[in-house]
Amino acid sequence: WVYAERAAELPALDREQRACEELGIPWERTDNALCMPDQGRFDPRR
């Protein structure tokens, strides 16, 4: 997730969403956040 903490940050989030849509990058949008699905987390040392 990448999210806006304040209303003033929402335009930057909108620009990021438009850029991803134009590139065909999958995103999911909520009111103040963008989620890139199907990423990953792991134990890097193991």
ModelCIF file with pLDDT and N, C-alpha, C, O atoms, coordinates in Angstrom:
data_MODEL
#
_entry.id   MODEL 
#
_entity.id                         1 
_entity.type                       polymer 
_entity.pdbx_number_of_molecules   1 
#
_entity_poly.entity_id                      1 
_entity_poly.type                           'polypeptide(L)' 
_entity_poly.nstd_linkage                   no 
_entity_poly.nstd_monomer                   no 
_entity_poly.pdbx_seq_one_letter_code       WVYAERAAELPALDREQRACEELGIPWERTDNALCMPDQGRFDPRR 
_entity_poly.pdbx_seq_one_letter_code_can   WVYAERAAELPALDREQRACEELGIPWERTDNALCMPDQGRFDPRR 
_entity_poly.pdbx_strand_id                 A 
#
loop_
_entity_poly_seq.entity_id 
_entity_poly_seq.num 
_entity_poly_seq.mon_id 
_entity_poly_seq.hetero 
1 1  TRP n 
1 2  VAL n 
1 3  TYR n 
1 4  ALA n 
1 5  GLU n 
1 6  ARG n 
1 7  ALA n 
1 8  ALA n 
1 9  GLU n 
1 10 LEU n 
1 11 PRO n 
1 12 ALA n 
1 13 LEU n 
1 14 ASP n 
1 15 ARG n 
1 16 GLU n 
1 17 GLN n 
1 18 ARG n 
1 19 ALA n 
1 20 CYS n 
1 21 GLU n 
1 22 GLU n 
1 23 LEU n 
1 24 GLY n 
1 25 ILE n 
1 26 PRO n 
1 27 TRP n 
1 28 GLU n 
1 29 ARG n 
1 30 THR n 
1 31 ASP n 
1 32 ASN n 
1 33 ALA n 
1 34 LEU n 
1 35 CYS n 
1 36 MET n 
1 37 PRO n 
1 38 ASP n 
1 39 GLN n 
1 40 GLY n 
1 41 ARG n 
1 42 PHE n 
1 43 ASP n 
1 44 PRO n 
1 45 ARG n 
1 46 ARG n 
#
_struct_asym.id          A 
_struct_asym.entity_id   1 
#
loop_
_ma_qa_metric.id 
_ma_qa_metric.mode 
_ma_qa_metric.name 
_ma_qa_metric.software_group_id 
_ma_qa_metric.type 
1 global pLDDT . pLDDT 
2 local  pLDDT . pLDDT 
#
_ma_qa_metric_global.metric_id      1 
_ma_qa_metric_global.metric_value   95.33 
_ma_qa_metric_global.model_id       1 
_ma_qa_metric_global.ordinal_id     1 
#
loop_
_ma_qa_metric_local.label_asym_id 
_ma_qa_metric_local.label_comp_id 
_ma_qa_metric_local.label_seq_id 
_ma_qa_metric_local.metric_id 
_ma_qa_metric_local.metric_value 
_ma_qa_metric_local.model_id 
_ma_qa_metric_local.ordinal_id 
A TRP 1  2 95.00 1 1  
A VAL 2  2 95.00 1 2  
A TYR 3  2 93.00 1 3  
A ALA 4  2 94.00 1 4  
A GLU 5  2 94.00 1 5  
A ARG 6  2 95.00 1 6  
A ALA 7  2 95.00 1 7  
A ALA 8  2 96.00 1 8  
A GLU 9  2 95.00 1 9  
A LEU 10 2 96.00 1 10 
A PRO 11 2 96.00 1 11 
A ALA 12 2 96.00 1 12 
A LEU 13 2 95.00 1 13 
A ASP 14 2 96.00 1 14 
A ARG 15 2 96.00 1 15 
A GLU 16 2 97.00 1 16 
A GLN 17 2 96.00 1 17 
A ARG 18 2 96.00 1 18 
A ALA 19 2 97.00 1 19 
A CYS 20 2 96.00 1 20 
A GLU 21 2 96.00 1 21 
A GLU 22 2 96.00 1 22 
A LEU 23 2 96.00 1 23 
A GLY 24 2 96.00 1 24 
A ILE 25 2 96.00 1 25 
A PRO 26 2 95.00 1 26 
A TRP 27 2 93.00 1 27 
A GLU 28 2 94.00 1 28 
A ARG 29 2 93.00 1 29 
A THR 30 2 93.00 1 30 
A ASP 31 2 91.00 1 31 
A ASN 32 2 94.00 1 32 
A ALA 33 2 96.00 1 33 
A LEU 34 2 96.00 1 34 
A CYS 35 2 96.00 1 35 
A MET 36 2 97.00 1 36 
A PRO 37 2 97.00 1 37 
A ASP 38 2 97.00 1 38 
A GLN 39 2 97.00 1 39 
A GLY 40 2 97.00 1 40 
A ARG 41 2 96.00 1 41 
A PHE 42 2 96.00 1 42 
A ASP 43 2 95.00 1 43 
A PRO 44 2 95.00 1 44 
A ARG 45 2 94.00 1 45 
A ARG 46 2 94.00 1 46 
#
loop_
_atom_site.group_PDB 
_atom_site.id 
_atom_site.type_symbol 
_atom_site.label_atom_id 
_atom_site.label_alt_id 
_atom_site.label_comp_id 
_atom_site.label_asym_id 
_atom_site.label_entity_id 
_atom_site.label_seq_id 
_atom_site.pdbx_PDB_ins_code 
_atom_site.Cartn_x 
_atom_site.Cartn_y 
_atom_site.Cartn_z 
_atom_site.occupancy 
_atom_site.B_iso_or_equiv 
_atom_site.pdbx_formal_charge 
_atom_site.auth_seq_id 
_atom_site.auth_comp_id 
_atom_site.auth_asym_id 
_atom_site.auth_atom_id 
_atom_site.pdbx_PDB_model_num 
ATOM 1   N N  . TRP A 1 1  ? 0.811   -1.208  0.000   1.00 95.00 ? 1  TRP A N  1 
ATOM 2   C CA . TRP A 1 1  ? 0.000   0.000   0.000   1.00 95.00 ? 1  TRP A CA 1 
ATOM 3   C C  . TRP A 1 1  ? 0.846   1.259   0.000   1.00 95.00 ? 1  TRP A C  1 
ATOM 4   O O  . TRP A 1 1  ? 1.915   1.309   0.609   1.00 95.00 ? 1  TRP A O  1 
ATOM 5   N N  . VAL A 1 2  ? 0.349   2.278   -0.694  1.00 95.00 ? 2  VAL A N  1 
ATOM 6   C CA . VAL A 1 2  ? 0.855   3.640   -0.559  1.00 95.00 ? 2  VAL A CA 1 
ATOM 7   C C  . VAL A 1 2  ? -0.370  4.505   -0.301  1.00 95.00 ? 2  VAL A C  1 
ATOM 8   O O  . VAL A 1 2  ? -1.384  4.371   -0.986  1.00 95.00 ? 2  VAL A O  1 
ATOM 9   N N  . TYR A 1 3  ? -0.279  5.396   0.691   1.00 93.00 ? 3  TYR A N  1 
ATOM 10  C CA . TYR A 1 3  ? -1.485  6.107   1.103   1.00 93.00 ? 3  TYR A CA 1 
ATOM 11  C C  . TYR A 1 3  ? -1.183  7.573   1.396   1.00 93.00 ? 3  TYR A C  1 
ATOM 12  O O  . TYR A 1 3  ? -0.044  7.970   1.642   1.00 93.00 ? 3  TYR A O  1 
ATOM 13  N N  . ALA A 1 4  ? -2.264  8.359   1.356   1.00 94.00 ? 4  ALA A N  1 
ATOM 14  C CA . ALA A 1 4  ? -2.180  9.778   1.676   1.00 94.00 ? 4  ALA A CA 1 
ATOM 15  C C  . ALA A 1 4  ? -2.615  9.989   3.120   1.00 94.00 ? 4  ALA A C  1 
ATOM 16  O O  . ALA A 1 4  ? -3.675  9.518   3.531   1.00 94.00 ? 4  ALA A O  1 
ATOM 17  N N  . GLU A 1 5  ? -1.805  10.689  3.875   1.00 94.00 ? 5  GLU A N  1 
ATOM 18  C CA . GLU A 1 5  ? -2.158  10.997  5.267   1.00 94.00 ? 5  GLU A CA 1 
ATOM 19  C C  . GLU A 1 5  ? -3.017  12.248  5.364   1.00 94.00 ? 5  GLU A C  1 
ATOM 20  O O  . GLU A 1 5  ? -3.782  12.410  6.315   1.00 94.00 ? 5  GLU A O  1 
ATOM 21  N N  . ARG A 1 6  ? -2.890  13.147  4.367   1.00 95.00 ? 6  ARG A N  1 
ATOM 22  C CA . ARG A 1 6  ? -3.628  14.410  4.385   1.00 95.00 ? 6  ARG A CA 1 
ATOM 23  C C  . ARG A 1 6  ? -4.287  14.633  3.035   1.00 95.00 ? 6  ARG A C  1 
ATOM 24  O O  . ARG A 1 6  ? -3.854  14.086  2.021   1.00 95.00 ? 6  ARG A O  1 
ATOM 25  N N  . ALA A 1 7  ? -5.331  15.436  3.033   1.00 95.00 ? 7  ALA A N  1 
ATOM 26  C CA . ALA A 1 7  ? -6.066  15.728  1.795   1.00 95.00 ? 7  ALA A CA 1 
ATOM 27  C C  . ALA A 1 7  ? -5.157  16.354  0.742   1.00 95.00 ? 7  ALA A C  1 
ATOM 28  O O  . ALA A 1 7  ? -5.343  16.143  -0.456  1.00 95.00 ? 7  ALA A O  1 
ATOM 29  N N  . ALA A 1 8  ? -4.184  17.116  1.195   1.00 96.00 ? 8  ALA A N  1 
ATOM 30  C CA . ALA A 1 8  ? -3.271  17.776  0.251   1.00 96.00 ? 8  ALA A CA 1 
ATOM 31  C C  . ALA A 1 8  ? -2.430  16.776  -0.528  1.00 96.00 ? 8  ALA A C  1 
ATOM 32  O O  . ALA A 1 8  ? -1.873  17.131  -1.567  1.00 96.00 ? 8  ALA A O  1 
ATOM 33  N N  . GLU A 1 9  ? -2.319  15.526  -0.055  1.00 95.00 ? 9  GLU A N  1 
ATOM 34  C CA . GLU A 1 9  ? -1.513  14.507  -0.735  1.00 95.00 ? 9  GLU A CA 1 
ATOM 35  C C  . GLU A 1 9  ? -2.316  13.696  -1.744  1.00 95.00 ? 9  GLU A C  1 
ATOM 36  O O  . GLU A 1 9  ? -1.751  12.899  -2.493  1.00 95.00 ? 9  GLU A O  1 
ATOM 37  N N  . LEU A 1 10 ? -3.634  13.896  -1.766  1.00 96.00 ? 10 LEU A N  1 
ATOM 38  C CA . LEU A 1 10 ? -4.478  13.099  -2.667  1.00 96.00 ? 10 LEU A CA 1 
ATOM 39  C C  . LEU A 1 10 ? -4.191  13.358  -4.150  1.00 96.00 ? 10 LEU A C  1 
ATOM 40  O O  . LEU A 1 10 ? -4.211  12.405  -4.929  1.00 96.00 ? 10 LEU A O  1 
ATOM 41  N N  . PRO A 1 11 ? -3.922  14.604  -4.583  1.00 96.00 ? 11 PRO A N  1 
ATOM 42  C CA . PRO A 1 11 ? -3.605  14.796  -6.008  1.00 96.00 ? 11 PRO A CA 1 
ATOM 43  C C  . PRO A 1 11 ? -2.407  13.974  -6.480  1.00 96.00 ? 11 PRO A C  1 
ATOM 44  O O  . PRO A 1 11 ? -2.399  13.478  -7.606  1.00 96.00 ? 11 PRO A O  1 
ATOM 45  N N  . ALA A 1 12 ? -1.404  13.829  -5.629  1.00 96.00 ? 12 ALA A N  1 
ATOM 46  C CA . ALA A 1 12 ? -0.245  13.009  -6.011  1.00 96.00 ? 12 ALA A CA 1 
ATOM 47  C C  . ALA A 1 12 ? -0.657  11.549  -6.148  1.00 96.00 ? 12 ALA A C  1 
ATOM 48  O O  . ALA A 1 12 ? -0.169  10.842  -7.029  1.00 96.00 ? 12 ALA A O  1 
ATOM 49  N N  . LEU A 1 13 ? -1.547  11.104  -5.283  1.00 95.00 ? 13 LEU A N  1 
ATOM 50  C CA . LEU A 1 13 ? -2.053  9.732   -5.367  1.00 95.00 ? 13 LEU A CA 1 
ATOM 51  C C  . LEU A 1 13 ? -2.852  9.539   -6.650  1.00 95.00 ? 13 LEU A C  1 
ATOM 52  O O  . LEU A 1 13 ? -2.766  8.491   -7.289  1.00 95.00 ? 13 LEU A O  1 
ATOM 53  N N  . ASP A 1 14 ? -3.631  10.556  -7.025  1.00 96.00 ? 14 ASP A N  1 
ATOM 54  C CA . ASP A 1 14 ? -4.397  10.496  -8.271  1.00 96.00 ? 14 ASP A CA 1 
ATOM 55  C C  . ASP A 1 14 ? -3.466  10.394  -9.481  1.00 96.00 ? 14 ASP A C  1 
ATOM 56  O O  . ASP A 1 14 ? -3.737  9.642   -10.417 1.00 96.00 ? 14 ASP A O  1 
ATOM 57  N N  . ARG A 1 15 ? -2.378  11.150  -9.457  1.00 96.00 ? 15 ARG A N  1 
ATOM 58  C CA . ARG A 1 15 ? -1.419  11.101  -10.569 1.00 96.00 ? 15 ARG A CA 1 
ATOM 59  C C  . ARG A 1 15 ? -0.774  9.722   -10.675 1.00 96.00 ? 15 ARG A C  1 
ATOM 60  O O  . ARG A 1 15 ? -0.566  9.205   -11.772 1.00 96.00 ? 15 ARG A O  1 
ATOM 61  N N  . GLU A 1 16 ? -0.462  9.136   -9.523  1.00 97.00 ? 16 GLU A N  1 
ATOM 62  C CA . GLU A 1 16 ? 0.132   7.805   -9.529  1.00 97.00 ? 16 GLU A CA 1 
ATOM 63  C C  . GLU A 1 16 ? -0.853  6.781   -10.098 1.00 97.00 ? 16 GLU A C  1 
ATOM 64  O O  . GLU A 1 16 ? -0.466  5.903   -10.870 1.00 97.00 ? 16 GLU A O  1 
ATOM 65  N N  . GLN A 1 17 ? -2.119  6.896   -9.715  1.00 96.00 ? 17 GLN A N  1 
ATOM 66  C CA . GLN A 1 17 ? -3.142  5.983   -10.233 1.00 96.00 ? 17 GLN A CA 1 
ATOM 67  C C  . GLN A 1 17 ? -3.273  6.108   -11.742 1.00 96.00 ? 17 GLN A C  1 
ATOM 68  O O  . GLN A 1 17 ? -3.345  5.097   -12.440 1.00 96.00 ? 17 GLN A O  1 
ATOM 69  N N  . ARG A 1 18 ? -3.305  7.337   -12.259 1.00 96.00 ? 18 ARG A N  1 
ATOM 70  C CA . ARG A 1 18 ? -3.427  7.533   -13.707 1.00 96.00 ? 18 ARG A CA 1 
ATOM 71  C C  . ARG A 1 18 ? -2.217  6.955   -14.437 1.00 96.00 ? 18 ARG A C  1 
ATOM 72  O O  . ARG A 1 18 ? -2.365  6.320   -15.481 1.00 96.00 ? 18 ARG A O  1 
ATOM 73  N N  . ALA A 1 19 ? -1.026  7.173   -13.893 1.00 97.00 ? 19 ALA A N  1 
ATOM 74  C CA . ALA A 1 19 ? 0.183   6.650   -14.533 1.00 97.00 ? 19 ALA A CA 1 
ATOM 75  C C  . ALA A 1 19 ? 0.131   5.129   -14.612 1.00 97.00 ? 19 ALA A C  1 
ATOM 76  O O  . ALA A 1 19 ? 0.477   4.544   -15.638 1.00 97.00 ? 19 ALA A O  1 
ATOM 77  N N  . CYS A 1 20 ? -0.303  4.488   -13.522 1.00 96.00 ? 20 CYS A N  1 
ATOM 78  C CA . CYS A 1 20 ? -0.371  3.029   -13.505 1.00 96.00 ? 20 CYS A CA 1 
ATOM 79  C C  . CYS A 1 20 ? -1.438  2.509   -14.463 1.00 96.00 ? 20 CYS A C  1 
ATOM 80  O O  . CYS A 1 20 ? -1.237  1.495   -15.131 1.00 96.00 ? 20 CYS A O  1 
ATOM 81  N N  . GLU A 1 21 ? -2.559  3.199   -14.529 1.00 96.00 ? 21 GLU A N  1 
ATOM 82  C CA . GLU A 1 21 ? -3.604  2.784   -15.465 1.00 96.00 ? 21 GLU A CA 1 
ATOM 83  C C  . GLU A 1 21 ? -3.123  2.870   -16.906 1.00 96.00 ? 21 GLU A C  1 
ATOM 84  O O  . GLU A 1 21 ? -3.399  1.983   -17.713 1.00 96.00 ? 21 GLU A O  1 
ATOM 85  N N  . GLU A 1 22 ? -2.408  3.933   -17.225 1.00 96.00 ? 22 GLU A N  1 
ATOM 86  C CA . GLU A 1 22 ? -1.884  4.099   -18.585 1.00 96.00 ? 22 GLU A CA 1 
ATOM 87  C C  . GLU A 1 22 ? -0.849  3.040   -18.932 1.00 96.00 ? 22 GLU A C  1 
ATOM 88  O O  . GLU A 1 22 ? -0.717  2.656   -20.094 1.00 96.00 ? 22 GLU A O  1 
ATOM 89  N N  . LEU A 1 23 ? -0.117  2.568   -17.934 1.00 96.00 ? 23 LEU A N  1 
ATOM 90  C CA . LEU A 1 23 ? 0.921   1.554   -18.150 1.00 96.00 ? 23 LEU A CA 1 
ATOM 91  C C  . LEU A 1 23 ? 0.386   0.134   -18.048 1.00 96.00 ? 23 LEU A C  1 
ATOM 92  O O  . LEU A 1 23 ? 1.094   -0.821  -18.368 1.00 96.00 ? 23 LEU A O  1 
ATOM 93  N N  . GLY A 1 24 ? -0.862  -0.013  -17.604 1.00 96.00 ? 24 GLY A N  1 
ATOM 94  C CA . GLY A 1 24 ? -1.429  -1.346  -17.428 1.00 96.00 ? 24 GLY A CA 1 
ATOM 95  C C  . GLY A 1 24 ? -0.962  -2.040  -16.176 1.00 96.00 ? 24 GLY A C  1 
ATOM 96  O O  . GLY A 1 24 ? -1.005  -3.268  -16.104 1.00 96.00 ? 24 GLY A O  1 
ATOM 97  N N  . ILE A 1 25 ? -0.512  -1.286  -15.177 1.00 96.00 ? 25 ILE A N  1 
ATOM 98  C CA . ILE A 1 25 ? -0.059  -1.849  -13.905 1.00 96.00 ? 25 ILE A CA 1 
ATOM 99  C C  . ILE A 1 25 ? -1.268  -2.035  -12.997 1.00 96.00 ? 25 ILE A C  1 
ATOM 100 O O  . ILE A 1 25 ? -2.034  -1.092  -12.803 1.00 96.00 ? 25 ILE A O  1 
ATOM 101 N N  . PRO A 1 26 ? -1.457  -3.223  -12.438 1.00 95.00 ? 26 PRO A N  1 
ATOM 102 C CA . PRO A 1 26 ? -2.642  -3.462  -11.606 1.00 95.00 ? 26 PRO A CA 1 
ATOM 103 C C  . PRO A 1 26 ? -2.593  -2.698  -10.284 1.00 95.00 ? 26 PRO A C  1 
ATOM 104 O O  . PRO A 1 26 ? -1.592  -2.739  -9.570  1.00 95.00 ? 26 PRO A O  1 
ATOM 105 N N  . TRP A 1 27 ? -3.671  -2.011  -9.972  1.00 93.00 ? 27 TRP A N  1 
ATOM 106 C CA . TRP A 1 27 ? -3.813  -1.288  -8.714  1.00 93.00 ? 27 TRP A CA 1 
ATOM 107 C C  . TRP A 1 27 ? -5.239  -1.422  -8.224  1.00 93.00 ? 27 TRP A C  1 
ATOM 108 O O  . TRP A 1 27 ? -6.158  -1.624  -9.016  1.00 93.00 ? 27 TRP A O  1 
ATOM 109 N N  . GLU A 1 28 ? -5.425  -1.309  -6.920  1.00 94.00 ? 28 GLU A N  1 
ATOM 110 C CA . GLU A 1 28 ? -6.744  -1.205  -6.316  1.00 94.00 ? 28 GLU A CA 1 
ATOM 111 C C  . GLU A 1 28 ? -6.781  0.089   -5.519  1.00 94.00 ? 28 GLU A C  1 
ATOM 112 O O  . GLU A 1 28 ? -5.821  0.425   -4.826  1.00 94.00 ? 28 GLU A O  1 
ATOM 113 N N  . ARG A 1 29 ? -7.899  0.822   -5.619  1.00 93.00 ? 29 ARG A N  1 
ATOM 114 C CA . ARG A 1 29 ? -7.979  2.147   -5.014  1.00 93.00 ? 29 ARG A CA 1 
ATOM 115 C C  . ARG A 1 29 ? -9.013  2.181   -3.894  1.00 93.00 ? 29 ARG A C  1 
ATOM 116 O O  . ARG A 1 29 ? -10.117 1.653   -4.033  1.00 93.00 ? 29 ARG A O  1 
ATOM 117 N N  . THR A 1 30 ? -8.641  2.804   -2.791  1.00 93.00 ? 30 THR A N  1 
ATOM 118 C CA . THR A 1 30 ? -9.594  3.189   -1.761  1.00 93.00 ? 30 THR A CA 1 
ATOM 119 C C  . THR A 1 30 ? -9.600  4.711   -1.715  1.00 93.00 ? 30 THR A C  1 
ATOM 120 O O  . THR A 1 30 ? -8.961  5.355   -2.546  1.00 93.00 ? 30 THR A O  1 
ATOM 121 N N  . ASP A 1 31 ? -10.303 5.283   -0.771  1.00 91.00 ? 31 ASP A N  1 
ATOM 122 C CA . ASP A 1 31 ? -10.411 6.746   -0.725  1.00 91.00 ? 31 ASP A CA 1 
ATOM 123 C C  . ASP A 1 31 ? -9.046  7.420   -0.650  1.00 91.00 ? 31 ASP A C  1 
ATOM 124 O O  . ASP A 1 31 ? -8.803  8.406   -1.345  1.00 91.00 ? 31 ASP A O  1 
ATOM 125 N N  . ASN A 1 32 ? -8.163  6.900   0.180   1.00 94.00 ? 32 ASN A N  1 
ATOM 126 C CA . ASN A 1 32 ? -6.889  7.590   0.394   1.00 94.00 ? 32 ASN A CA 1 
ATOM 127 C C  . ASN A 1 32 ? -5.676  6.686   0.191   1.00 94.00 ? 32 ASN A C  1 
ATOM 128 O O  . ASN A 1 32 ? -4.597  6.978   0.705   1.00 94.00 ? 32 ASN A O  1 
ATOM 129 N N  . ALA A 1 33 ? -5.841  5.598   -0.549  1.00 96.00 ? 33 ALA A N  1 
ATOM 130 C CA . ALA A 1 33 ? -4.716  4.675   -0.712  1.00 96.00 ? 33 ALA A CA 1 
ATOM 131 C C  . ALA A 1 33 ? -4.795  3.933   -2.038  1.00 96.00 ? 33 ALA A C  1 
ATOM 132 O O  . ALA A 1 33 ? -5.866  3.753   -2.617  1.00 96.00 ? 33 ALA A O  1 
ATOM 133 N N  . LEU A 1 34 ? -3.623  3.509   -2.495  1.00 96.00 ? 34 LEU A N  1 
ATOM 134 C CA . LEU A 1 34 ? -3.506  2.617   -3.648  1.00 96.00 ? 34 LEU A CA 1 
ATOM 135 C C  . LEU A 1 34 ? -2.845  1.332   -3.187  1.00 96.00 ? 34 LEU A C  1 
ATOM 136 O O  . LEU A 1 34 ? -1.865  1.360   -2.443  1.00 96.00 ? 34 LEU A O  1 
ATOM 137 N N  . CYS A 1 35 ? -3.379  0.216   -3.628  1.00 96.00 ? 35 CYS A N  1 
ATOM 138 C CA . CYS A 1 35 ? -2.808  -1.085  -3.299  1.00 96.00 ? 35 CYS A CA 1 
ATOM 139 C C  . CYS A 1 35 ? -2.348  -1.772  -4.570  1.00 96.00 ? 35 CYS A C  1 
ATOM 140 O O  . CYS A 1 35 ? -3.098  -1.852  -5.543  1.00 96.00 ? 35 CYS A O  1 
ATOM 141 N N  . MET A 1 36 ? -1.119  -2.269  -4.567  1.00 97.00 ? 36 MET A N  1 
ATOM 142 C CA . MET A 1 36 ? -0.645  -3.122  -5.653  1.00 97.00 ? 36 MET A CA 1 
ATOM 143 C C  . MET A 1 36 ? -0.796  -4.563  -5.178  1.00 97.00 ? 36 MET A C  1 
ATOM 144 O O  . MET A 1 36 ? -0.099  -4.979  -4.253  1.00 97.00 ? 36 MET A O  1 
ATOM 145 N N  . PRO A 1 37 ? -1.696  -5.336  -5.797  1.00 97.00 ? 37 PRO A N  1 
ATOM 146 C CA . PRO A 1 37 ? -1.965  -6.688  -5.294  1.00 97.00 ? 37 PRO A CA 1 
ATOM 147 C C  . PRO A 1 37 ? -0.883  -7.692  -5.684  1.00 97.00 ? 37 PRO A C  1 
ATOM 148 O O  . PRO A 1 37 ? -0.068  -7.450  -6.574  1.00 97.00 ? 37 PRO A O  1 
ATOM 149 N N  . ASP A 1 38 ? -0.907  -8.819  -4.989  1.00 97.00 ? 38 ASP A N  1 
ATOM 150 C CA . ASP A 1 38 ? -0.088  -9.984  -5.329  1.00 97.00 ? 38 ASP A CA 1 
ATOM 151 C C  . ASP A 1 38 ? 1.409   -9.673  -5.331  1.00 97.00 ? 38 ASP A C  1 
ATOM 152 O O  . ASP A 1 38 ? 2.141   -10.083 -6.232  1.00 97.00 ? 38 ASP A O  1 
ATOM 153 N N  . GLN A 1 39 ? 1.846   -8.945  -4.313  1.00 97.00 ? 39 GLN A N  1 
ATOM 154 C CA . GLN A 1 39 ? 3.269   -8.741  -4.092  1.00 97.00 ? 39 GLN A CA 1 
ATOM 155 C C  . GLN A 1 39 ? 3.740   -9.784  -3.072  1.00 97.00 ? 39 GLN A C  1 
ATOM 156 O O  . GLN A 1 39 ? 3.141   -10.858 -3.005  1.00 97.00 ? 39 GLN A O  1 
ATOM 157 N N  . GLY A 1 40 ? 4.756   -9.528  -2.296  1.00 97.00 ? 40 GLY A N  1 
ATOM 158 C CA . GLY A 1 40 ? 5.221   -10.586 -1.408  1.00 97.00 ? 40 GLY A CA 1 
ATOM 159 C C  . GLY A 1 40 ? 5.920   -10.089 -0.161  1.00 97.00 ? 40 GLY A C  1 
ATOM 160 O O  . GLY A 1 40 ? 6.425   -8.967  -0.114  1.00 97.00 ? 40 GLY A O  1 
ATOM 161 N N  . ARG A 1 41 ? 5.940   -10.949 0.857   1.00 96.00 ? 41 ARG A N  1 
ATOM 162 C CA . ARG A 1 41 ? 6.763   -10.750 2.036   1.00 96.00 ? 41 ARG A CA 1 
ATOM 163 C C  . ARG A 1 41 ? 7.386   -12.079 2.414   1.00 96.00 ? 41 ARG A C  1 
ATOM 164 O O  . ARG A 1 41 ? 6.823   -13.141 2.146   1.00 96.00 ? 41 ARG A O  1 
ATOM 165 N N  . PHE A 1 42 ? 8.570   -12.013 3.048   1.00 96.00 ? 42 PHE A N  1 
ATOM 166 C CA . PHE A 1 42 ? 9.288   -13.242 3.361   1.00 96.00 ? 42 PHE A CA 1 
ATOM 167 C C  . PHE A 1 42 ? 10.354  -12.964 4.396   1.00 96.00 ? 42 PHE A C  1 
ATOM 168 O O  . PHE A 1 42 ? 10.575  -11.816 4.781   1.00 96.00 ? 42 PHE A O  1 
ATOM 169 N N  . ASP A 1 43 ? 11.012  -14.016 4.845   1.00 95.00 ? 43 ASP A N  1 
ATOM 170 C CA . ASP A 1 43 ? 12.168  -13.901 5.727   1.00 95.00 ? 43 ASP A CA 1 
ATOM 171 C C  . ASP A 1 43 ? 13.402  -13.862 4.829   1.00 95.00 ? 43 ASP A C  1 
ATOM 172 O O  . ASP A 1 43 ? 13.801  -14.902 4.305   1.00 95.00 ? 43 ASP A O  1 
ATOM 173 N N  . PRO A 1 44 ? 14.018  -12.693 4.635   1.00 95.00 ? 44 PRO A N  1 
ATOM 174 C CA . PRO A 1 44 ? 15.118  -12.579 3.670   1.00 95.00 ? 44 PRO A CA 1 
ATOM 175 C C  . PRO A 1 44 ? 16.356  -13.367 4.053   1.00 95.00 ? 44 PRO A C  1 
ATOM 176 O O  . PRO A 1 44 ? 17.080  -13.855 3.185   1.00 95.00 ? 44 PRO A O  1 
ATOM 177 N N  . ARG A 1 45 ? 16.599  -13.493 5.345   1.00 94.00 ? 45 ARG A N  1 
ATOM 178 C CA . ARG A 1 45 ? 17.777  -14.252 5.800   1.00 94.00 ? 45 ARG A CA 1 
ATOM 179 C C  . ARG A 1 45 ? 17.599  -15.738 5.472   1.00 94.00 ? 45 ARG A C  1 
ATOM 180 O O  . ARG A 1 45 ? 18.495  -16.353 4.894   1.00 94.00 ? 45 ARG A O  1 
ATOM 181 N N  . ARG A 1 46 ? 16.455  -16.315 5.834   1.00 94.00 ? 46 ARG A N  1 
ATOM 182 C CA . ARG A 1 46 ? 16.195  -17.724 5.533   1.00 94.00 ? 46 ARG A CA 1 
ATOM 183 C C  . ARG A 1 46 ? 16.235  -17.965 4.030   1.00 94.00 ? 46 ARG A C  1 
ATOM 184 O O  . ARG A 1 46 ? 16.038  -19.095 3.581   1.00 94.00 ? 46 ARG A O  1 
#
